[in-house]
Amino acid sequence: MVTATHSGYRLISDHVFAAVRQNLVSNQKAFFAQRTYKPGEVVAYFSAGAILNEPTYLTVQVGIDKHIMLQPEHLQYINHSCDPNVFFDTFAMQIVALKEIAEGDEMTFFYPSTEWDMAQPFTCFCGCSNCLGEIRGAAHINPEILSTYTLTRFIQQQLHDRSNKEKRA
């Protein structure tokens, strides 16, 4: 797990509950806890800064053709991990801790938990034992694997609809 106490980071912005830091080698920005969180605890609330019909690298999907730009914007620096410690609950519009998060830990979420078919797929290098490698969205992941993750209502509905179509075929 990456922690902010590593000397390879510089502070970009401080938001009391968490801070955006930049890796001095890769220049990648990440979001680090500034306090401890317990599983189920609300880390932050968010809203839709803008609603788009098409996904972008920075949007979070909330419907078939509905993608939101996060507000506050600093939440966009919560990076992906195949072993996430936070979840974007797009129904309650809050970020929830999935497991214990210590002060200084990087906050990460599972991108396919909100994204059906991603605008910019990528190869994951999170390094966890269950790393999925290519991240393209929930539509491209075996439902048995997805069942091990916390998923938004939208993704759950997409999986249900797909399952029903397959049963009828």
Protein backbone atom coordinates (compact mmCIF):
# COMPACT_ATOMS: atom_id res chain seq x y z
CA MET A 1 0.00 0.00 0.00
CA VAL A 2 1.23 3.47 -0.84
CA THR A 3 1.47 6.01 1.96
CA ALA A 4 1.99 9.75 1.82
CA THR A 5 4.80 9.61 4.36
CA HIS A 6 7.05 8.33 1.59
CA SER A 7 9.51 11.11 0.71
CA GLY A 8 8.80 10.65 -3.01
CA TYR A 9 5.66 12.85 -2.84
CA ARG A 10 5.02 16.57 -2.68
CA LEU A 11 1.86 18.21 -1.38
CA ILE A 12 -0.42 19.69 -4.09
CA SER A 13 -3.50 20.59 -2.02
CA ASP A 14 -4.73 20.00 1.53
CA HIS A 15 -8.45 19.32 2.10
CA VAL A 16 -8.36 18.63 5.87
CA PHE A 17 -9.71 15.05 5.61
CA ALA A 18 -7.33 14.16 2.76
CA ALA A 19 -4.61 15.69 0.60
CA VAL A 20 -3.62 15.54 -3.05
CA ARG A 21 0.03 14.61 -3.44
CA GLN A 22 2.18 14.22 -6.54
CA ASN A 23 4.68 11.43 -7.05
CA LEU A 24 8.05 13.08 -7.76
CA VAL A 25 9.11 10.31 -10.18
CA SER A 26 5.93 9.57 -12.18
CA ASN A 27 4.21 12.96 -11.65
CA GLN A 28 1.00 11.03 -10.94
CA LYS A 29 -1.32 12.68 -8.43
CA ALA A 30 -3.03 10.68 -5.70
CA PHE A 31 -5.37 11.24 -2.77
CA PHE A 32 -4.12 10.45 0.75
CA ALA A 33 -6.07 10.20 4.00
CA GLN A 34 -5.22 12.76 6.65
CA ARG A 35 -7.01 10.80 9.37
CA THR A 36 -8.09 7.22 10.10
CA TYR A 37 -11.37 5.87 8.70
CA LYS A 38 -13.30 2.80 9.79
CA PRO A 39 -15.16 0.50 7.34
CA GLY A 40 -18.56 2.01 6.46
CA GLU A 41 -17.55 5.53 7.50
CA VAL A 42 -18.40 8.36 5.10
CA VAL A 43 -15.16 9.89 3.89
CA ALA A 44 -16.67 12.72 1.83
CA TYR A 45 -19.80 13.87 0.03
CA PHE A 46 -19.78 14.82 -3.64
CA SER A 47 -22.07 16.24 -6.28
CA ALA A 48 -22.26 16.57 -10.03
CA GLY A 49 -20.25 19.58 -11.20
CA ALA A 50 -21.50 18.87 -14.72
CA ILE A 51 -23.53 16.09 -16.31
CA LEU A 52 -22.30 14.72 -19.65
CA ASN A 53 -23.82 12.29 -22.18
CA GLU A 54 -20.44 10.72 -22.95
CA PRO A 55 -17.80 9.37 -20.57
CA THR A 56 -14.43 11.04 -20.20
CA TYR A 57 -11.31 10.09 -18.29
CA LEU A 58 -12.52 12.16 -15.33
CA THR A 59 -16.23 11.34 -15.16
CA VAL A 60 -18.10 8.89 -12.95
CA GLN A 61 -20.97 7.01 -14.57
CA VAL A 62 -24.39 7.28 -12.93
CA GLY A 63 -26.65 6.14 -15.81
CA ILE A 64 -26.58 4.73 -19.34
CA ASP A 65 -25.80 8.09 -20.94
CA LYS A 66 -25.17 10.02 -17.74
CA HIS A 67 -21.66 10.77 -16.51
CA ILE A 68 -20.82 13.33 -13.85
CA MET A 69 -17.80 15.52 -13.27
CA LEU A 70 -17.02 15.27 -9.57
CA GLN A 71 -17.51 18.24 -7.35
CA PRO A 72 -15.35 19.01 -5.43
CA GLU A 73 -12.80 18.47 -8.19
CA HIS A 74 -10.00 17.21 -5.91
CA LEU A 75 -11.88 13.89 -5.61
CA GLN A 76 -10.83 13.09 -9.19
CA TYR A 77 -7.42 12.16 -7.78
CA ILE A 78 -8.75 9.02 -6.09
CA ASN A 79 -7.00 6.46 -8.26
CA HIS A 80 -7.97 2.92 -9.24
CA SER A 81 -7.01 -0.25 -7.40
CA CYS A 82 -8.19 -3.83 -7.78
CA ASP A 83 -8.11 -3.89 -3.95
CA PRO A 84 -9.89 -0.60 -3.18
CA ASN A 85 -10.36 1.02 0.20
CA VAL A 86 -13.19 3.43 -0.75
CA PHE A 87 -16.41 3.22 -2.77
CA PHE A 88 -18.22 5.97 -4.67
CA ASP A 89 -21.88 5.55 -3.70
CA THR A 90 -23.48 7.44 -6.60
CA PHE A 91 -26.98 7.02 -5.12
CA ALA A 92 -26.19 8.67 -1.77
CA MET A 93 -23.48 10.83 -3.41
CA GLN A 94 -20.86 9.92 -0.82
CA ILE A 95 -17.51 8.20 -0.65
CA VAL A 96 -17.52 5.37 1.87
CA ALA A 97 -14.56 3.55 3.44
CA LEU A 98 -14.62 -0.15 2.52
CA LYS A 99 -11.95 -1.11 5.03
CA GLU A 100 -9.78 0.50 7.67
CA ILE A 101 -7.82 3.41 6.19
CA ALA A 102 -4.90 4.69 8.21
CA GLU A 103 -3.74 8.29 8.20
CA GLY A 104 -1.33 8.63 5.27
CA ASP A 105 -2.80 5.76 3.19
CA GLU A 106 -3.67 6.42 -0.43
CA MET A 107 -7.42 6.27 -1.07
CA THR A 108 -8.33 4.11 -4.05
CA PHE A 109 -11.50 2.82 -5.66
CA PHE A 110 -12.36 0.10 -8.15
CA TYR A 111 -13.16 1.99 -11.38
CA PRO A 112 -15.48 -0.74 -12.75
CA SER A 113 -17.63 -0.27 -9.64
CA THR A 114 -18.99 2.85 -11.36
CA GLU A 115 -18.02 2.40 -15.03
CA TRP A 116 -19.77 0.01 -17.44
CA ASP A 117 -17.57 0.63 -20.51
CA MET A 118 -14.69 3.03 -19.91
CA ALA A 119 -13.72 5.89 -22.20
CA GLN A 120 -10.02 5.21 -21.64
CA PRO A 121 -9.20 1.60 -20.71
CA PHE A 122 -5.78 1.05 -19.16
CA THR A 123 -3.42 -1.59 -17.85
CA CYS A 124 -3.53 -1.71 -14.07
CA PHE A 125 -0.30 -1.88 -12.12
CA CYS A 126 -1.85 -1.74 -8.63
CA GLY A 127 0.28 -4.71 -7.60
CA CYS A 128 -2.33 -6.51 -5.50
CA SER A 129 -2.64 -10.27 -5.68
CA ASN A 130 -6.06 -10.04 -7.33
CA CYS A 131 -5.05 -7.41 -9.94
CA LEU A 132 -7.23 -7.76 -13.03
CA GLY A 133 -4.65 -6.30 -15.43
CA GLU A 134 -6.65 -4.63 -18.20
CA ILE A 135 -9.34 -2.29 -16.81
CA ARG A 136 -12.08 -1.56 -19.35
CA GLY A 137 -15.23 -1.36 -17.23
CA ALA A 138 -17.65 -3.74 -15.56
CA ALA A 139 -19.06 -4.92 -18.92
CA HIS A 140 -15.73 -6.65 -19.59
CA ILE A 141 -15.33 -8.49 -16.26
CA ASN A 142 -16.69 -11.89 -15.33
CA PRO A 143 -19.78 -11.44 -13.09
CA GLU A 144 -18.31 -13.90 -10.56
CA ILE A 145 -15.30 -11.62 -10.12
CA LEU A 146 -17.52 -8.53 -9.94
CA SER A 147 -19.58 -10.16 -7.18
CA THR A 148 -16.58 -9.78 -4.88
CA TYR A 149 -16.73 -5.97 -5.19
CA THR A 150 -19.09 -3.28 -3.94
CA LEU A 151 -20.85 -1.93 -7.03
CA THR A 152 -23.09 1.08 -7.67
CA ARG A 153 -26.80 0.55 -8.23
CA PHE A 154 -26.26 1.45 -11.88
CA ILE A 155 -23.65 -1.28 -12.40
CA GLN A 156 -25.78 -3.79 -10.49
CA GLN A 157 -28.72 -2.95 -12.76
CA GLN A 158 -26.57 -3.33 -15.89
CA LEU A 159 -25.44 -6.77 -14.70
CA HIS A 160 -29.03 -7.78 -13.93
CA ASP A 161 -30.25 -6.59 -17.36
CA ARG A 162 -27.42 -8.41 -19.14
CA SER A 163 -28.14 -11.61 -17.22
CA ASN A 164 -31.84 -11.44 -18.15
CA LYS A 165 -30.98 -10.93 -21.85
CA GLU A 166 -28.65 -13.93 -21.77
CA LYS A 167 -31.35 -16.08 -20.15
CA ARG A 168 -33.85 -15.13 -22.89
CA ALA A 169 -31.38 -15.85 -25.69
